[in-house]
Amino acid sequence: MAFLAVPGPFDFALSTERFRVFGVDLATVWHEGGLHRVVGGREVRIEAAEGGVDVEPFEPGVAHLLGAPFDLAPFYRWARGDEVLRHVVVRLRGFRPPLMPEPFEMLVGSITAQQVSLFSATAIRNRLIERFGTRHEVAWAFPTRERLARAREGELTALGFSRRKEEYVLALARSELDLETLRELPDDEVRARIVSQRGLGEWTAEWFLARHLARPNAWPWGDLALRKAVADLYRGLDVKEARERFHPFENLSAHYLLLAQRVP
């Protein structure tokens, strides 16, 4: 295996927790103590190592998946001044929120998760992956945009998608939206381009900024789990009004508060 350094602090178990807690994700599979993912057309296995991870075969894109773009040190210093986060960052030290490497996969996943539990969304997304993706040894490559653009009406509803969600996914796959150029745009322009697509709203745009682009000021206030975490941990604080409280680390704050709720 080849070693890949990950900026410290880094806790591999905490950073990969979401790939275990919501059921098996066929595109990012936790298997026998390691994470399997198709990166650059090849399946890689990622295991914990001192100061980073061991990757076989080596693919530099793994660093993005493991949240390497986040700078934790200034966030931790800032969090000392918050009554809740000062304790949370000590307990969850080294947690790097994982990032979705592919923009199309990120948006399709968001559509799948609209108004259903993450367990249900994972199950439906897995059926999509099995029907239109490519199987490797352990993990599957998520379906390409081109493959889903060729899907026929009714093929996604047969997998558990509502008719409306099927329309959203197919419209996105067939749209002229250039997903690769979004990384070069400011936050507001990214939001505007995403919400211009049918079926993609503010919730999807904020999570795209948060979990694909790692933008520090992304604040998915419409997320029900985040609403509950903020209300529970801050004695009824409204999540939308709370945005300024967590500036300039809205994204990391959201991830840490969500994980604090899941990990007692």
Protein backbone atom coordinates (compact mmCIF):
# COMPACT_ATOMS: atom_id res chain seq x y z
CA MET A 1 0.00 0.00 0.00
CA ALA A 2 1.07 3.60 -0.60
CA PHE A 3 0.95 6.10 2.26
CA LEU A 4 -1.06 9.32 1.90
CA ALA A 5 -0.50 12.01 4.52
CA VAL A 6 -3.65 13.74 5.78
CA PRO A 7 -3.30 17.12 7.55
CA GLY A 8 -3.54 16.62 11.30
CA PRO A 9 -5.34 16.21 13.48
CA PHE A 10 -7.03 13.26 11.79
CA ASP A 11 -9.19 10.53 13.25
CA PHE A 12 -9.93 7.92 10.58
CA ALA A 13 -12.74 6.23 12.52
CA LEU A 14 -14.66 9.47 13.16
CA SER A 15 -14.07 10.75 9.62
CA THR A 16 -15.53 7.61 8.05
CA GLU A 17 -18.39 7.18 10.53
CA ARG A 18 -21.11 8.25 8.10
CA PHE A 19 -20.23 5.36 5.77
CA ARG A 20 -21.22 2.90 8.50
CA VAL A 21 -24.08 4.51 10.37
CA PHE A 22 -26.66 4.84 7.57
CA GLY A 23 -26.27 1.38 6.07
CA VAL A 24 -23.97 0.07 3.34
CA ASP A 25 -23.33 2.62 0.60
CA LEU A 26 -22.36 0.63 -2.50
CA ALA A 27 -20.31 3.54 -3.89
CA THR A 28 -18.29 4.00 -0.68
CA VAL A 29 -18.15 0.68 1.16
CA TRP A 30 -16.79 0.04 4.64
CA HIS A 31 -15.39 -3.48 4.38
CA GLU A 32 -13.25 -5.40 6.87
CA GLY A 33 -11.79 -2.33 8.54
CA GLY A 34 -11.17 -0.27 5.41
CA LEU A 35 -13.02 1.99 2.98
CA HIS A 36 -13.48 0.96 -0.65
CA ARG A 37 -14.25 3.55 -3.32
CA VAL A 38 -13.83 3.78 -7.11
CA VAL A 39 -11.53 6.75 -7.74
CA GLY A 40 -10.17 7.62 -11.17
CA GLY A 41 -11.72 4.49 -12.63
CA ARG A 42 -10.00 2.15 -10.15
CA GLU A 43 -11.23 0.71 -6.89
CA VAL A 44 -9.05 1.73 -3.97
CA ARG A 45 -8.92 0.48 -0.41
CA ILE A 46 -8.21 3.04 2.32
CA GLU A 47 -6.96 2.02 5.75
CA ALA A 48 -5.91 3.98 8.82
CA ALA A 49 -2.19 4.72 9.23
CA GLU A 50 -0.13 6.92 11.52
CA GLY A 51 -0.39 10.49 10.19
CA GLY A 52 -2.73 9.62 7.36
CA VAL A 53 -3.95 6.58 5.45
CA ASP A 54 -2.64 3.68 3.41
CA VAL A 55 -4.16 3.53 -0.08
CA GLU A 56 -4.03 0.63 -2.53
CA PRO A 57 -3.69 1.36 -5.39
CA PHE A 58 -2.63 4.96 -4.83
CA GLU A 59 -4.99 7.71 -6.02
CA PRO A 60 -4.42 11.34 -4.91
CA GLY A 61 -8.18 12.03 -5.11
CA VAL A 62 -8.59 10.09 -1.86
CA ALA A 63 -7.38 13.17 0.04
CA HIS A 64 -10.49 15.12 -1.01
CA LEU A 65 -12.77 12.26 0.04
CA LEU A 66 -11.18 12.34 3.52
CA GLY A 67 -11.76 16.07 4.01
CA ALA A 68 -8.20 17.24 3.45
CA PRO A 69 -9.31 20.74 2.25
CA PHE A 70 -10.60 21.62 5.72
CA ASP A 71 -8.27 23.60 7.99
CA LEU A 72 -9.16 22.41 11.47
CA ALA A 73 -6.67 24.39 13.59
CA PRO A 74 -8.30 27.85 13.23
CA PHE A 75 -11.74 26.28 13.68
CA TYR A 76 -10.67 24.68 16.94
CA ARG A 77 -9.24 27.98 18.20
CA TRP A 78 -12.45 29.81 17.30
CA ALA A 79 -14.63 27.09 18.86
CA ARG A 80 -13.10 27.72 22.31
CA GLY A 81 -15.33 30.78 22.54
CA ASP A 82 -18.56 28.85 21.98
CA GLU A 83 -20.35 27.31 24.97
CA VAL A 84 -21.20 24.07 23.13
CA LEU A 85 -18.54 23.64 20.45
CA ARG A 86 -15.68 24.09 22.92
CA HIS A 87 -16.64 20.69 24.35
CA VAL A 88 -17.64 19.10 21.05
CA VAL A 89 -14.29 19.74 19.31
CA VAL A 90 -12.41 18.16 22.21
CA ARG A 91 -14.56 15.04 22.07
CA LEU A 92 -14.48 14.80 18.27
CA ARG A 93 -10.91 15.99 17.70
CA GLY A 94 -9.55 14.84 14.35
CA PHE A 95 -12.94 14.50 12.65
CA ARG A 96 -12.59 15.63 9.04
CA PRO A 97 -15.96 15.76 7.29
CA PRO A 98 -15.77 13.48 4.23
CA LEU A 99 -16.38 15.12 0.90
CA MET A 100 -18.24 13.74 -2.11
CA PRO A 101 -15.67 13.65 -4.94
CA GLU A 102 -18.10 13.84 -7.88
CA PRO A 103 -20.58 16.73 -8.33
CA PHE A 104 -23.18 14.72 -10.25
CA GLU A 105 -23.19 11.99 -7.63
CA MET A 106 -23.55 14.63 -4.92
CA LEU A 107 -26.63 16.18 -6.54
CA VAL A 108 -28.31 12.88 -7.37
CA GLY A 109 -27.74 11.79 -3.79
CA SER A 110 -29.37 14.99 -2.56
CA ILE A 111 -32.43 14.39 -4.74
CA THR A 112 -32.67 10.85 -3.44
CA ALA A 113 -32.57 12.08 0.18
CA GLN A 114 -35.34 14.66 -0.20
CA GLN A 115 -38.10 14.07 2.39
CA VAL A 116 -36.99 10.53 3.33
CA SER A 117 -34.69 9.12 5.99
CA LEU A 118 -31.02 8.65 5.14
CA PHE A 119 -31.50 4.90 5.57
CA SER A 120 -34.23 4.89 2.91
CA ALA A 121 -32.22 7.19 0.66
CA THR A 122 -29.20 4.88 0.89
CA ALA A 123 -31.29 1.85 -0.03
CA ILE A 124 -32.85 3.57 -3.05
CA ARG A 125 -29.52 4.99 -4.19
CA ASN A 126 -27.97 1.52 -3.94
CA ARG A 127 -30.60 0.15 -6.31
CA LEU A 128 -29.80 2.96 -8.73
CA ILE A 129 -26.09 2.10 -8.51
CA GLU A 130 -26.73 -1.60 -9.13
CA ARG A 131 -28.95 -0.85 -12.13
CA PHE A 132 -26.85 1.82 -13.85
CA GLY A 133 -23.40 1.72 -12.23
CA THR A 134 -20.34 -0.46 -12.76
CA ARG A 135 -19.33 -3.13 -10.27
CA HIS A 136 -15.71 -3.49 -9.21
CA GLU A 137 -14.44 -5.95 -6.60
CA VAL A 138 -16.16 -4.53 -3.49
CA ALA A 139 -17.40 -1.06 -4.43
CA TRP A 140 -19.41 0.14 -7.39
CA ALA A 141 -18.70 3.13 -9.61
CA PHE A 142 -21.63 5.53 -9.39
CA PRO A 143 -23.64 5.82 -12.63
CA THR A 144 -22.28 8.40 -15.03
CA ARG A 145 -24.31 11.40 -16.07
CA GLU A 146 -24.33 10.13 -19.65
CA ARG A 147 -25.69 6.73 -18.61
CA LEU A 148 -28.54 8.20 -16.58
CA ALA A 149 -29.35 10.66 -19.37
CA ARG A 150 -30.21 7.63 -21.52
CA ALA A 151 -32.54 6.10 -18.91
CA ARG A 152 -36.15 5.62 -19.97
CA GLU A 153 -39.19 6.93 -18.17
CA GLY A 154 -40.21 4.53 -15.44
CA GLU A 155 -36.81 2.91 -14.96
CA LEU A 156 -36.05 4.96 -11.84
CA THR A 157 -39.53 4.67 -10.36
CA ALA A 158 -39.13 0.89 -10.61
CA LEU A 159 -36.16 1.29 -8.25
CA GLY A 160 -38.13 3.21 -5.62
CA PHE A 161 -37.85 6.80 -6.84
CA SER A 162 -41.02 8.84 -6.83
CA ARG A 163 -42.12 9.98 -10.27
CA ARG A 164 -41.15 13.54 -9.41
CA LYS A 165 -37.67 12.55 -8.21
CA GLU A 166 -37.17 10.53 -11.38
CA GLU A 167 -38.01 13.65 -13.37
CA TYR A 168 -35.50 15.68 -11.33
CA VAL A 169 -32.66 13.19 -11.83
CA LEU A 170 -33.25 12.80 -15.56
CA ALA A 171 -33.62 16.56 -16.05
CA LEU A 172 -30.31 17.13 -14.27
CA ALA A 173 -28.54 14.43 -16.27
CA ARG A 174 -29.82 15.92 -19.54
CA SER A 175 -29.31 19.57 -18.59
CA GLU A 176 -26.62 21.91 -19.89
CA LEU A 177 -25.41 22.76 -16.38
CA ASP A 178 -21.61 22.49 -16.33
CA LEU A 179 -20.97 20.92 -12.95
CA GLU A 180 -17.19 21.02 -13.19
CA THR A 181 -17.03 24.80 -13.50
CA LEU A 182 -19.03 25.35 -10.31
CA ARG A 183 -15.89 24.95 -8.21
CA GLU A 184 -14.53 28.14 -9.79
CA LEU A 185 -17.55 30.28 -8.86
CA PRO A 186 -18.38 32.19 -5.65
CA ASP A 187 -20.92 30.69 -3.27
CA ASP A 188 -23.88 32.82 -4.37
CA GLU A 189 -23.35 31.98 -8.03
CA VAL A 190 -23.11 28.27 -7.22
CA ARG A 191 -26.39 28.51 -5.31
CA ALA A 192 -28.07 30.37 -8.16
CA ARG A 193 -27.05 27.83 -10.80
CA ILE A 194 -28.11 24.86 -8.72
CA VAL A 195 -31.53 26.21 -7.72
CA SER A 196 -32.19 27.10 -11.37
CA GLN A 197 -32.51 23.36 -11.99
CA ARG A 198 -35.93 21.80 -11.48
CA GLY A 199 -36.14 19.97 -8.17
CA LEU A 200 -32.96 21.43 -6.71
CA GLY A 201 -33.52 23.94 -3.91
CA GLU A 202 -31.58 25.77 -1.21
CA TRP A 203 -31.09 22.63 0.89
CA THR A 204 -29.37 20.88 -2.01
CA ALA A 205 -27.30 23.94 -2.89
CA GLU A 206 -26.02 24.36 0.67
CA TRP A 207 -25.06 20.70 1.00
CA PHE A 208 -23.33 20.86 -2.39
CA LEU A 209 -21.26 23.79 -1.10
CA ALA A 210 -20.63 21.95 2.17
CA ARG A 211 -19.97 18.36 1.13
CA HIS A 212 -18.54 18.73 -2.34
CA LEU A 213 -16.81 22.10 -2.47
CA ALA A 214 -15.91 22.35 1.25
CA ARG A 215 -16.90 26.02 1.31
CA PRO A 216 -16.42 27.35 4.88
CA ASN A 217 -19.62 29.43 4.96
CA ALA A 218 -22.06 26.77 3.72
CA TRP A 219 -24.91 26.49 6.22
CA PRO A 220 -27.60 23.88 5.33
CA TRP A 221 -30.18 25.42 7.63
CA GLY A 222 -33.03 23.55 5.95
CA ASP A 223 -31.67 20.18 7.07
CA LEU A 224 -33.98 18.62 9.66
CA ALA A 225 -31.16 16.82 11.49
CA LEU A 226 -29.19 20.07 11.77
CA ARG A 227 -32.28 21.91 13.01
CA LYS A 228 -32.70 19.31 15.74
CA ALA A 229 -29.01 19.36 16.69
CA VAL A 230 -28.93 23.14 17.03
CA ALA A 231 -32.21 23.25 18.97
CA ASP A 232 -31.15 20.45 21.31
CA LEU A 233 -27.62 21.66 21.98
CA TYR A 234 -28.43 25.40 22.16
CA ARG A 235 -31.69 25.29 24.11
CA GLY A 236 -34.15 25.95 21.30
CA LEU A 237 -32.02 28.21 19.09
CA ASP A 238 -33.50 28.56 15.60
CA VAL A 239 -31.12 27.13 13.02
CA LYS A 240 -31.70 29.83 10.40
CA GLU A 241 -31.13 32.63 12.88
CA ALA A 242 -28.04 30.82 14.19
CA ARG A 243 -26.01 31.26 11.02
CA GLU A 244 -24.19 34.39 12.21
CA ARG A 245 -23.29 32.67 15.47
CA PHE A 246 -21.15 30.13 13.61
CA HIS A 247 -19.52 32.53 11.14
CA PRO A 248 -16.89 32.16 9.68
CA PHE A 249 -16.97 28.38 10.27
CA GLU A 250 -20.56 27.51 9.41
CA ASN A 251 -19.68 24.36 7.45
CA LEU A 252 -17.43 22.76 10.06
CA SER A 253 -19.80 23.79 12.84
CA ALA A 254 -22.70 22.05 11.09
CA HIS A 255 -20.73 18.85 10.61
CA TYR A 256 -19.46 18.78 14.18
CA LEU A 257 -22.90 19.44 15.64
CA LEU A 258 -24.47 16.70 13.53
CA LEU A 259 -21.81 14.19 14.53
CA ALA A 260 -22.11 15.22 18.19
CA GLN A 261 -25.79 14.21 18.01
CA ARG A 262 -24.98 10.82 16.44
CA VAL A 263 -22.01 9.96 18.69
CA PRO A 264 -23.01 10.26 22.35
